[in-house]
Every structure is written in structure tokens, then in C-alpha cells.
């Protein structure tokens, strides 16, 4: 529960290549979000991330996490243009 509270105050920023309209060349999946959370010190497996589908555009998303059947939280995910774009 403490981890869920900490994660709810955190936001993930993921860089991705996108076209001028903001559509990604590829998509952001649960694995990508998990990797960013682990890098920030939160041991969150991709299986805990509840995406309704891959993220395919630049922007801010609220992603649901289920750490345990009784412990659920959300994390903000910012998908931003890759550096140099």
C-alpha cells in the first residue's frame, strides 16, 4: 500500500519517435512503462500494468496498476518526442 501511494505521486516520462502529427513510429507497451518504473526504483512488473491498448500518440496518459487484487493505483505516463526531434 505504501508503494502504491508513492507511485500515485510519481510520473513516468518515455521518449518515443513520432511524426509531425504526434503519432508514434511503434507504440508504448506495459513492458516499456515497467522498465521506466524499475529504473526509478519501483519494482513493478509488466504484469501489474493494466493498459487498455498500446499507447500510440504523444501525450499524457493515466495508467492503472494492480499491485495486488486489493491494492490498485495509477501512474501518469508522459510520452514525449525523442531528443533531437
Protein backbone atom coordinates (compact mmCIF):
# COMPACT_ATOMS: atom_id res chain seq x y z
CA UNK A 1 0.00 0.00 0.00
CA UNK A 2 2.90 2.36 0.74
CA UNK A 3 4.39 1.61 -2.67
CA UNK A 4 1.01 2.27 -4.32
CA UNK A 5 0.79 5.65 -2.59
CA UNK A 6 4.32 6.58 -3.68
CA UNK A 7 3.72 5.53 -7.29
CA UNK A 8 0.50 7.55 -7.50
CA UNK A 9 2.58 10.70 -6.88
CA UNK A 10 5.18 9.76 -9.49
CA UNK A 11 5.07 10.32 -13.24
CA UNK A 12 6.95 8.42 -15.93
CA UNK A 13 8.40 10.15 -18.98
CA UNK A 14 9.07 7.98 -22.01
CA UNK A 15 10.74 9.34 -25.14
CA UNK A 16 9.48 8.00 -28.46
CA UNK A 17 9.94 8.77 -32.13
CA UNK A 18 6.84 10.38 -33.64
CA UNK A 19 5.73 12.12 -36.80
CA UNK A 20 4.65 15.78 -37.04
CA UNK A 21 1.07 14.89 -36.03
CA UNK A 22 2.26 13.17 -32.84
CA UNK A 23 1.67 9.57 -33.98
CA UNK A 24 4.38 7.22 -32.75
CA UNK A 25 6.53 5.08 -35.03
CA UNK A 26 5.65 2.00 -32.99
CA UNK A 27 3.92 2.02 -29.62
CA UNK A 28 4.48 2.13 -25.87
CA UNK A 29 3.61 -1.15 -24.12
CA UNK A 30 3.34 -2.27 -20.48
CA UNK A 31 6.93 -3.54 -20.70
CA UNK A 32 8.19 -0.03 -21.55
CA UNK A 33 6.33 1.53 -18.61
CA UNK A 34 7.57 -1.22 -16.27
CA UNK A 35 11.17 -0.59 -17.39
CA UNK A 36 10.84 3.13 -16.59
CA UNK A 37 9.32 2.43 -13.17
CA UNK A 38 12.06 -0.09 -12.31
CA UNK A 39 14.71 2.46 -13.36
CA UNK A 40 13.10 4.92 -10.92
CA UNK A 41 13.30 2.39 -8.08
CA UNK A 42 9.77 0.95 -8.20
CA UNK A 43 9.75 -2.84 -8.62
CA UNK A 44 6.72 -3.01 -10.90
CA UNK A 45 6.42 -5.96 -13.26
CA UNK A 46 4.71 -5.50 -16.64
CA UNK A 47 2.02 -7.95 -15.44
CA UNK A 48 0.87 -5.33 -12.89
CA UNK A 49 0.21 -2.69 -15.56
CA UNK A 50 -3.34 -2.55 -16.94
CA UNK A 51 -3.23 -0.91 -20.36
CA UNK A 52 -6.40 -0.87 -22.45
CA UNK A 53 -4.14 -0.94 -25.51
CA UNK A 54 -0.71 0.25 -26.61
CA UNK A 55 -0.03 3.99 -26.41
CA UNK A 56 0.36 5.22 -29.99
CA UNK A 57 0.47 9.02 -29.67
CA UNK A 58 2.42 11.68 -27.81
CA UNK A 59 0.67 12.97 -24.71
CA UNK A 60 -0.13 12.29 -21.07
CA UNK A 61 -1.88 9.08 -20.02
CA UNK A 62 -3.18 7.82 -16.70
CA UNK A 63 -2.28 4.14 -16.48
CA UNK A 64 -3.84 1.78 -13.96
CA UNK A 65 -1.64 -0.52 -11.87
CA UNK A 66 -2.82 -3.55 -9.91
CA UNK A 67 -0.10 -4.45 -7.43
CA UNK A 68 -2.36 -6.94 -5.62
CA UNK A 69 -6.07 -7.77 -6.01
CA UNK A 70 -6.78 -5.33 -3.17
CA UNK A 71 -4.06 -2.75 -3.97
CA UNK A 72 -4.64 -0.64 -7.08
CA UNK A 73 -3.20 2.71 -8.07
CA UNK A 74 -2.47 4.86 -11.10
CA UNK A 75 0.64 6.43 -12.58
CA UNK A 76 0.92 9.32 -15.02
CA UNK A 77 2.82 8.44 -18.19
CA UNK A 78 4.13 11.24 -20.40
CA UNK A 79 5.02 10.18 -23.93
CA UNK A 80 7.29 12.88 -25.35
CA UNK A 81 9.22 13.32 -28.60
CA UNK A 82 12.66 11.72 -28.59
CA UNK A 83 15.54 14.17 -28.13
CA UNK A 84 16.62 15.79 -31.35
CA UNK A 85 13.20 15.59 -33.00
